[in-house]
């Protein structure tokens, strides 16, 4: 995860990195106890991915996964 965060700070980083970050953070959150989960760590890269990849089908799918994992449906 630290490597993905480092990549995200480089202005020329491919936008798909933000999709990958969100995917990794969803999986990481699911390994934690519900009280320890940080869903903002998922939302931030998803917001950036949506900004950089407005036509991506991955972003809405990952948002849906995060909402289901939070039982917010």
N, C-alpha and C. Protein backbone atom coordinates (compact mmCIF):
# COMPACT_ATOMS: atom_id res chain seq x y z
N UNK A 1 0.82 -1.19 0.00
CA UNK A 1 0.00 0.00 0.00
C UNK A 1 0.86 1.25 0.00
N UNK A 2 1.94 1.23 0.73
CA UNK A 2 2.84 2.38 0.78
C UNK A 2 3.38 2.71 -0.61
N UNK A 3 3.64 1.67 -1.40
CA UNK A 3 4.14 1.90 -2.75
C UNK A 3 3.08 2.57 -3.63
N UNK A 4 1.84 2.16 -3.48
CA UNK A 4 0.77 2.80 -4.25
C UNK A 4 0.60 4.25 -3.83
N UNK A 5 0.69 4.52 -2.54
CA UNK A 5 0.57 5.91 -2.07
C UNK A 5 1.71 6.77 -2.61
N UNK A 6 2.91 6.20 -2.66
CA UNK A 6 4.05 6.94 -3.21
C UNK A 6 3.82 7.25 -4.68
N UNK A 7 3.31 6.27 -5.41
CA UNK A 7 3.02 6.49 -6.83
C UNK A 7 1.96 7.57 -7.01
N UNK A 8 0.97 7.59 -6.14
CA UNK A 8 -0.13 8.54 -6.26
C UNK A 8 0.34 9.98 -6.12
N UNK A 9 1.44 10.19 -5.48
CA UNK A 9 1.96 11.55 -5.28
C UNK A 9 2.71 12.11 -6.49
N UNK A 10 3.01 11.24 -7.44
CA UNK A 10 3.72 11.67 -8.65
C UNK A 10 2.68 12.18 -9.66
N UNK A 11 2.84 13.41 -10.14
CA UNK A 11 1.82 13.98 -11.03
C UNK A 11 1.56 13.17 -12.31
N UNK A 12 2.53 12.44 -12.79
CA UNK A 12 2.37 11.69 -14.04
C UNK A 12 1.91 10.24 -13.82
N UNK A 13 1.51 9.94 -12.62
CA UNK A 13 1.05 8.58 -12.31
C UNK A 13 -0.19 8.25 -13.13
N UNK A 14 -0.23 7.04 -13.70
CA UNK A 14 -1.44 6.64 -14.44
C UNK A 14 -2.66 6.65 -13.52
N UNK A 15 -3.79 7.08 -14.01
CA UNK A 15 -4.99 7.17 -13.19
C UNK A 15 -5.46 5.83 -12.62
N UNK A 16 -5.12 4.74 -13.27
CA UNK A 16 -5.53 3.42 -12.78
C UNK A 16 -4.96 3.11 -11.41
N UNK A 17 -3.89 3.78 -11.03
CA UNK A 17 -3.30 3.56 -9.71
C UNK A 17 -4.31 3.88 -8.62
N UNK A 18 -5.14 4.89 -8.84
CA UNK A 18 -6.13 5.28 -7.84
C UNK A 18 -7.23 4.23 -7.71
N UNK A 19 -7.56 3.61 -8.82
CA UNK A 19 -8.52 2.49 -8.80
C UNK A 19 -7.93 1.34 -7.99
N UNK A 20 -6.68 1.03 -8.25
CA UNK A 20 -6.01 -0.06 -7.52
C UNK A 20 -5.92 0.24 -6.03
N UNK A 21 -5.62 1.51 -5.70
CA UNK A 21 -5.54 1.89 -4.28
C UNK A 21 -6.88 1.65 -3.58
N UNK A 22 -7.95 2.07 -4.23
CA UNK A 22 -9.28 1.90 -3.63
C UNK A 22 -9.58 0.41 -3.46
N UNK A 23 -9.26 -0.39 -4.45
CA UNK A 23 -9.51 -1.83 -4.39
C UNK A 23 -8.74 -2.46 -3.22
N UNK A 24 -7.48 -2.09 -3.07
CA UNK A 24 -6.65 -2.62 -1.98
C UNK A 24 -7.21 -2.18 -0.63
N UNK A 25 -7.64 -0.92 -0.53
CA UNK A 25 -8.16 -0.43 0.75
C UNK A 25 -9.49 -1.08 1.12
N UNK A 26 -10.32 -1.40 0.14
CA UNK A 26 -11.55 -2.14 0.44
C UNK A 26 -11.19 -3.48 1.05
N UNK A 27 -10.28 -4.18 0.40
CA UNK A 27 -9.88 -5.51 0.91
C UNK A 27 -9.22 -5.40 2.28
N UNK A 28 -8.39 -4.40 2.47
CA UNK A 28 -7.74 -4.22 3.77
C UNK A 28 -8.79 -3.96 4.85
N UNK A 29 -9.75 -3.08 4.56
CA UNK A 29 -10.79 -2.78 5.55
C UNK A 29 -11.56 -4.03 5.93
N UNK A 30 -11.81 -4.89 4.97
CA UNK A 30 -12.58 -6.10 5.26
C UNK A 30 -11.83 -7.08 6.16
N UNK A 31 -10.52 -6.91 6.28
CA UNK A 31 -9.75 -7.78 7.18
C UNK A 31 -9.75 -7.26 8.61
N UNK A 32 -10.22 -6.00 8.78
CA UNK A 32 -10.21 -5.37 10.10
C UNK A 32 -11.56 -5.53 10.79
N UNK A 33 -11.53 -5.38 12.09
CA UNK A 33 -12.78 -5.35 12.86
C UNK A 33 -13.58 -4.12 12.40
N UNK A 34 -14.91 -4.21 12.39
CA UNK A 34 -15.71 -3.08 11.92
C UNK A 34 -15.37 -1.74 12.58
N UNK A 35 -15.04 -1.75 13.82
CA UNK A 35 -14.72 -0.50 14.52
C UNK A 35 -13.38 0.10 14.08
N UNK A 36 -12.55 -0.68 13.42
CA UNK A 36 -11.22 -0.22 13.01
C UNK A 36 -11.16 0.17 11.54
N UNK A 37 -12.22 0.01 10.82
CA UNK A 37 -12.22 0.28 9.38
C UNK A 37 -12.24 1.77 9.09
N UNK A 38 -11.45 2.17 8.10
CA UNK A 38 -11.36 3.58 7.69
C UNK A 38 -11.84 3.70 6.25
N UNK A 39 -13.11 4.00 6.09
CA UNK A 39 -13.68 4.06 4.74
C UNK A 39 -13.27 5.32 4.00
N UNK A 40 -12.79 6.33 4.71
CA UNK A 40 -12.30 7.52 4.00
C UNK A 40 -11.05 7.17 3.19
N UNK A 41 -10.33 6.15 3.62
CA UNK A 41 -9.15 5.70 2.88
C UNK A 41 -9.54 5.05 1.56
N UNK A 42 -10.80 4.70 1.41
CA UNK A 42 -11.32 4.17 0.15
C UNK A 42 -11.88 5.32 -0.69
N UNK A 43 -12.59 6.23 -0.05
CA UNK A 43 -13.25 7.32 -0.77
C UNK A 43 -12.26 8.26 -1.45
N UNK A 44 -11.15 8.56 -0.79
CA UNK A 44 -10.19 9.51 -1.37
C UNK A 44 -9.64 9.03 -2.71
N UNK A 45 -9.11 7.80 -2.80
CA UNK A 45 -8.63 7.38 -4.12
C UNK A 45 -9.76 7.19 -5.14
N UNK A 46 -10.96 6.82 -4.67
CA UNK A 46 -12.09 6.69 -5.60
C UNK A 46 -12.48 8.05 -6.17
N UNK A 47 -12.47 9.06 -5.34
CA UNK A 47 -12.78 10.41 -5.82
C UNK A 47 -11.77 10.86 -6.87
N UNK A 48 -10.50 10.58 -6.60
CA UNK A 48 -9.45 10.97 -7.55
C UNK A 48 -9.57 10.16 -8.84
N UNK A 49 -9.86 8.88 -8.73
CA UNK A 49 -10.05 8.04 -9.91
C UNK A 49 -11.23 8.55 -10.74
N UNK A 50 -12.31 8.92 -10.07
CA UNK A 50 -13.48 9.45 -10.79
C UNK A 50 -13.15 10.75 -11.52
N UNK A 51 -12.32 11.55 -10.89
CA UNK A 51 -11.92 12.82 -11.51
C UNK A 51 -11.06 12.57 -12.75
N UNK A 52 -10.13 11.61 -12.62
CA UNK A 52 -9.18 11.35 -13.71
C UNK A 52 -9.73 10.39 -14.76
N UNK A 53 -10.67 9.56 -14.38
CA UNK A 53 -11.24 8.56 -15.30
C UNK A 53 -12.77 8.67 -15.29
N UNK A 54 -13.32 9.74 -15.82
CA UNK A 54 -14.76 9.95 -15.70
C UNK A 54 -15.61 8.87 -16.37
N UNK A 55 -15.08 8.15 -17.33
CA UNK A 55 -15.85 7.11 -18.02
C UNK A 55 -15.57 5.71 -17.49
N UNK A 56 -14.83 5.61 -16.41
CA UNK A 56 -14.47 4.31 -15.86
C UNK A 56 -15.70 3.58 -15.31
N UNK A 57 -15.77 2.30 -15.61
CA UNK A 57 -16.82 1.47 -15.00
C UNK A 57 -16.34 0.88 -13.68
N UNK A 58 -15.04 0.93 -13.44
CA UNK A 58 -14.48 0.39 -12.19
C UNK A 58 -14.88 1.24 -10.99
N UNK A 59 -14.90 2.54 -11.16
CA UNK A 59 -15.16 3.45 -10.03
C UNK A 59 -16.55 3.21 -9.43
N UNK A 60 -17.62 3.22 -10.22
CA UNK A 60 -18.93 2.97 -9.60
C UNK A 60 -19.03 1.56 -9.00
N UNK A 61 -18.38 0.61 -9.63
CA UNK A 61 -18.40 -0.76 -9.09
C UNK A 61 -17.72 -0.84 -7.74
N UNK A 62 -16.59 -0.16 -7.61
CA UNK A 62 -15.88 -0.16 -6.33
C UNK A 62 -16.65 0.64 -5.27
N UNK A 63 -17.29 1.72 -5.69
CA UNK A 63 -18.13 2.47 -4.73
C UNK A 63 -19.24 1.58 -4.20
N UNK A 64 -19.84 0.81 -5.09
CA UNK A 64 -20.90 -0.11 -4.67
C UNK A 64 -20.37 -1.17 -3.71
N UNK A 65 -19.19 -1.71 -4.00
CA UNK A 65 -18.59 -2.70 -3.11
C UNK A 65 -18.34 -2.10 -1.72
N UNK A 66 -17.84 -0.88 -1.70
CA UNK A 66 -17.56 -0.22 -0.41
C UNK A 66 -18.85 0.01 0.36
N UNK A 67 -19.91 0.42 -0.32
CA UNK A 67 -21.19 0.65 0.35
C UNK A 67 -21.77 -0.65 0.90
N UNK A 68 -21.67 -1.72 0.14
CA UNK A 68 -22.15 -3.02 0.61
C UNK A 68 -21.34 -3.46 1.82
N UNK A 69 -20.03 -3.29 1.76
CA UNK A 69 -19.17 -3.69 2.88
C UNK A 69 -19.51 -2.90 4.14
N UNK A 70 -19.99 -1.67 3.96
CA UNK A 70 -20.38 -0.84 5.11
C UNK A 70 -21.84 -1.05 5.48
N UNK A 71 -22.51 -1.91 4.75
CA UNK A 71 -23.94 -2.18 4.92
C UNK A 71 -24.77 -0.90 4.76
N UNK A 72 -24.35 -0.08 3.80
CA UNK A 72 -25.06 1.18 3.50
C UNK A 72 -25.72 1.03 2.13
N UNK A 73 -26.77 0.25 2.09
CA UNK A 73 -27.49 0.06 0.83
C UNK A 73 -28.97 0.10 1.05
